[in-house]
C-alpha atoms as a PDB file:
ATOM      1  CA  SER A   1       2.656  68.749  39.340  1.00  0.00           C
ATOM      2  CA  VAL A   2       0.471  66.873  41.786  1.00  0.00           C
ATOM      3  CA  GLU A   3       2.516  63.701  41.302  1.00  0.00           C
ATOM      4  CA  LEU A   4       5.747  65.388  42.400  1.00  0.00           C
ATOM      5  CA  LEU A   5       4.002  67.146  45.284  1.00  0.00           C
ATOM      6  CA  MET A   6       2.653  63.854  46.594  1.00  0.00           C
ATOM      7  CA  LEU A   7       6.060  62.175  46.277  1.00  0.00           C
ATOM      8  CA  TYR A   8       7.554  65.044  48.285  1.00  0.00           C
ATOM      9  CA  LEU A   9       4.786  64.811  50.884  1.00  0.00           C
ATOM     10  CA  GLN A  10       5.326  61.062  51.138  1.00  0.00           C
ATOM     11  CA  ARG A  11       8.985  61.681  51.941  1.00  0.00           C
ATOM     12  CA  SER A  12       8.057  64.404  54.450  1.00  0.00           C
ATOM     13  CA  VAL A  13       6.005  62.171  56.753  1.00  0.00           C
ATOM     14  CA  ALA A  14       7.541  61.408  60.147  1.00  0.00           C
ATOM     15  CA  PRO A  15       5.857  58.073  61.016  1.00  0.00           C
ATOM     16  CA  GLU A  16       7.275  58.058  64.527  1.00  0.00           C
ATOM     17  CA  LYS A  17       5.284  61.216  65.312  1.00  0.00           C
ATOM     18  CA  LEU A  18       1.950  59.622  64.413  1.00  0.00           C
ATOM     19  CA  ILE A  19      -0.235  57.777  66.875  1.00  0.00           C
ATOM     20  CA  GLY A  20      -1.064  54.126  66.474  1.00  0.00           C
ATOM     21  CA  HIS A  21       0.106  51.415  64.141  1.00  0.00           C
ATOM     22  CA  GLU A  22      -1.542  52.774  60.999  1.00  0.00           C
ATOM     23  CA  THR A  23      -2.609  56.224  59.773  1.00  0.00           C
ATOM     24  CA  VAL A  24      -4.447  56.984  56.536  1.00  0.00           C
ATOM     25  CA  VAL A  25      -4.483  60.530  55.154  1.00  0.00           C
ATOM     26  CA  ARG A  26      -6.663  61.486  52.193  1.00  0.00           C
ATOM     27  CA  PHE A  27      -5.994  64.482  49.968  1.00  0.00           C
ATOM     28  CA  LYS A  28      -8.716  65.919  47.721  1.00  0.00           C
ATOM     29  CA  PHE A  29      -7.366  68.526  45.307  1.00  0.00           C
ATOM     30  CA  THR A  30     -10.101  70.882  44.163  1.00  0.00           C
ATOM     31  CA  ASP A  31      -8.277  72.548  41.287  1.00  0.00           C
ATOM     32  CA  ILE A  32      -7.615  69.500  39.103  1.00  0.00           C
ATOM     33  CA  GLU A  33      -9.803  66.796  37.603  1.00  0.00           C
ATOM     34  CA  ASP A  34      -7.305  64.031  36.848  1.00  0.00           C
ATOM     35  CA  LEU A  35      -5.603  62.527  39.885  1.00  0.00           C
ATOM     36  CA  SER A  36      -7.490  64.753  42.308  1.00  0.00           C
ATOM     37  CA  ASP A  37      -7.713  62.083  45.038  1.00  0.00           C
ATOM     38  CA  TRP A  38      -4.662  60.729  46.852  1.00  0.00           C
ATOM     39  CA  TRP A  39      -4.063  58.667  49.976  1.00  0.00           C
ATOM     40  CA  LEU A  40      -0.986  58.509  52.198  1.00  0.00           C
ATOM     41  CA  LEU A  41      -0.808  55.177  53.995  1.00  0.00           C
ATOM     42  CA  VAL A  42       1.482  55.075  56.997  1.00  0.00           C
ATOM     43  CA  GLU A  43       2.031  51.700  58.606  1.00  0.00           C
ATOM     44  CA  ASP A  44       4.745  51.609  61.216  1.00  0.00           C
ATOM     45  CA  GLU A  45       7.753  53.157  59.413  1.00  0.00           C
ATOM     46  CA  ASP A  46       6.445  52.570  55.872  1.00  0.00           C
ATOM     47  CA  VAL A  47       4.782  55.394  53.942  1.00  0.00           C
ATOM     48  CA  ASP A  48       3.026  54.648  50.660  1.00  0.00           C
ATOM     49  CA  ILE A  49       0.912  56.763  48.332  1.00  0.00           C
ATOM     50  CA  CYS A  50      -2.148  55.619  46.398  1.00  0.00           C
ATOM     51  CA  VAL A  51      -4.278  57.175  43.679  1.00  0.00           C
ATOM     52  CA  SER A  52      -7.119  54.734  44.244  1.00  0.00           C
ATOM     53  CA  ASP A  53      -9.052  54.164  47.447  1.00  0.00           C
ATOM     54  CA  PRO A  54      -7.139  51.577  49.497  1.00  0.00           C
ATOM     55  CA  GLY A  55     -10.349  50.626  51.307  1.00  0.00           C
ATOM     56  CA  LYS A  56      -9.110  51.652  54.735  1.00  0.00           C
ATOM     57  CA  ASP A  57     -10.652  54.025  57.263  1.00  0.00           C
ATOM     58  CA  VAL A  58      -9.323  57.540  56.718  1.00  0.00           C
ATOM     59  CA  ASP A  59      -7.914  59.325  59.775  1.00  0.00           C
ATOM     60  CA  VAL A  60      -7.291  62.798  58.317  1.00  0.00           C
ATOM     61  CA  TYR A  61      -8.893  64.497  55.307  1.00  0.00           C
ATOM     62  CA  PHE A  62      -7.219  67.404  53.491  1.00  0.00           C
ATOM     63  CA  THR A  63      -9.259  69.358  50.942  1.00  0.00           C
ATOM     64  CA  THR A  64      -7.344  72.078  49.110  1.00  0.00           C
ATOM     65  CA  SER A  65      -5.752  73.078  45.830  1.00  0.00           C
ATOM     66  CA  VAL A  66      -2.426  71.781  44.577  1.00  0.00           C
ATOM     67  CA  ARG A  67      -1.115  75.351  44.658  1.00  0.00           C
ATOM     68  CA  THR A  68      -2.081  75.826  48.319  1.00  0.00           C
ATOM     69  CA  MET A  69      -0.619  72.495  49.435  1.00  0.00           C
ATOM     70  CA  ALA A  70       2.594  73.167  47.497  1.00  0.00           C
ATOM     71  CA  GLY A  71       2.780  76.624  49.090  1.00  0.00           C
ATOM     72  CA  ILE A  72       2.460  75.112  52.548  1.00  0.00           C
ATOM     73  CA  TRP A  73       5.095  72.478  51.812  1.00  0.00           C
ATOM     74  CA  MET A  74       7.472  75.128  50.435  1.00  0.00           C
ATOM     75  CA  GLY A  75       6.971  77.320  53.510  1.00  0.00           C
ATOM     76  CA  ASP A  76       5.230  80.156  51.634  1.00  0.00           C
ATOM     77  CA  THR A  77       2.281  79.853  54.032  1.00  0.00           C
ATOM     78  CA  THR A  78       1.245  77.733  56.998  1.00  0.00           C
ATOM     79  CA  TYR A  79      -1.543  75.269  57.658  1.00  0.00           C
ATOM     80  CA  ARG A  80      -3.175  77.743  60.052  1.00  0.00           C
ATOM     81  CA  LYS A  81      -3.076  80.609  57.551  1.00  0.00           C
ATOM     82  CA  ALA A  82      -4.453  78.439  54.739  1.00  0.00           C
ATOM     83  CA  ILE A  83      -7.268  77.184  56.975  1.00  0.00           C
ATOM     84  CA  ALA A  84      -8.093  80.721  58.169  1.00  0.00           C
ATOM     85  CA  ALA A  85      -8.179  81.935  54.540  1.00  0.00           C
ATOM     86  CA  GLY A  86     -10.575  79.144  53.565  1.00  0.00           C
ATOM     87  CA  GLU A  87      -7.981  77.627  51.224  1.00  0.00           C
ATOM     88  CA  LEU A  88      -7.605  74.391  53.198  1.00  0.00           C
ATOM     89  CA  THR A  89      -9.984  72.196  55.138  1.00  0.00           C
ATOM     90  CA  VAL A  90      -8.577  69.578  57.495  1.00  0.00           C
ATOM     91  CA  VAL A  91     -10.847  67.076  59.206  1.00  0.00           C
ATOM     92  CA  GLY A  92      -9.703  64.489  61.706  1.00  0.00           C
ATOM     93  CA  PRO A  93      -9.046  63.860  65.381  1.00  0.00           C
ATOM     94  CA  LYS A  94      -7.318  66.663  67.282  1.00  0.00           C
ATOM     95  CA  ALA A  95      -4.505  64.281  68.207  1.00  0.00           C
ATOM     96  CA  LEU A  96      -3.511  64.376  64.527  1.00  0.00           C
ATOM     97  CA  THR A  97      -4.746  67.782  63.341  1.00  0.00           C
ATOM     98  CA  ARG A  98      -3.485  70.075  66.105  1.00  0.00           C
ATOM     99  CA  ASP A  99       0.169  69.693  65.044  1.00  0.00           C
ATOM    100  CA  ILE A 100       0.269  68.678  61.391  1.00  0.00           C
ATOM    101  CA  PRO A 101       3.785  70.141  60.876  1.00  0.00           C
ATOM    102  CA  GLY A 102       4.956  67.776  63.614  1.00  0.00           C
ATOM    103  CA  TRP A 103       4.292  64.729  61.433  1.00  0.00           C
ATOM    104  CA  LEU A 104       4.103  66.216  57.918  1.00  0.00           C
ATOM    105  CA  GLY A 105       7.197  68.329  57.494  1.00  0.00           C
ATOM    106  CA  ASN A 106       7.990  71.091  55.038  1.00  0.00           C
ATOM    107  CA  SER A 107      10.568  71.139  52.283  1.00  0.00           C
ATOM    108  CA  ILE A 108      14.190  71.449  53.384  1.00  0.00           C
ATOM    109  CA  PHE A 109      14.174  74.720  51.429  1.00  0.00           C
ATOM    110  CA  ALA A 110      11.205  76.178  53.330  1.00  0.00           C
ATOM    111  CA  ASP A 111      13.335  78.313  55.650  1.00  0.00           C
ATOM    112  CA  ILE A 112      15.615  79.679  52.931  1.00  0.00           C
ATOM    113  CA  PRO A 113      14.717  83.194  51.758  1.00  0.00           C
ATOM    114  CA  SER A 114      13.560  83.460  48.159  1.00  0.00           C
ATOM    115  CA  ALA A 115      15.814  85.036  45.548  1.00  0.00           C
ATOM    116  CA  SER A 116      13.680  88.185  45.589  1.00  0.00           C
ATOM    117  CA  GLU A 117      14.253  88.542  49.345  1.00  0.00           C
ATOM    118  CA  ILE A 118      18.037  88.191  49.136  1.00  0.00           C
END
């Protein structure tokens, strides 16, 4: 579900790797109608999620499907592969978009082979 994905993404943010005092990240999920817009608000070490516009300037925009974002978080694909396949659009300053995995980490299970691979 999108709610669980966003809770996991919230917990995966490394605030110390972001630039500045505050960073706002907006997610637009194209494959759902309800709760399709989400914001991650990072202020110092605090990370909050919102389902309504917090009225702050957005630093990074993600446009994708829930399935694609979950696949990235689980390590099934990468940001670069999803962007190259046209499944993800990321807009923002290069200082934030050139190394998204540096500040938005994957699941702790991302590097574990799937059951079918074992």
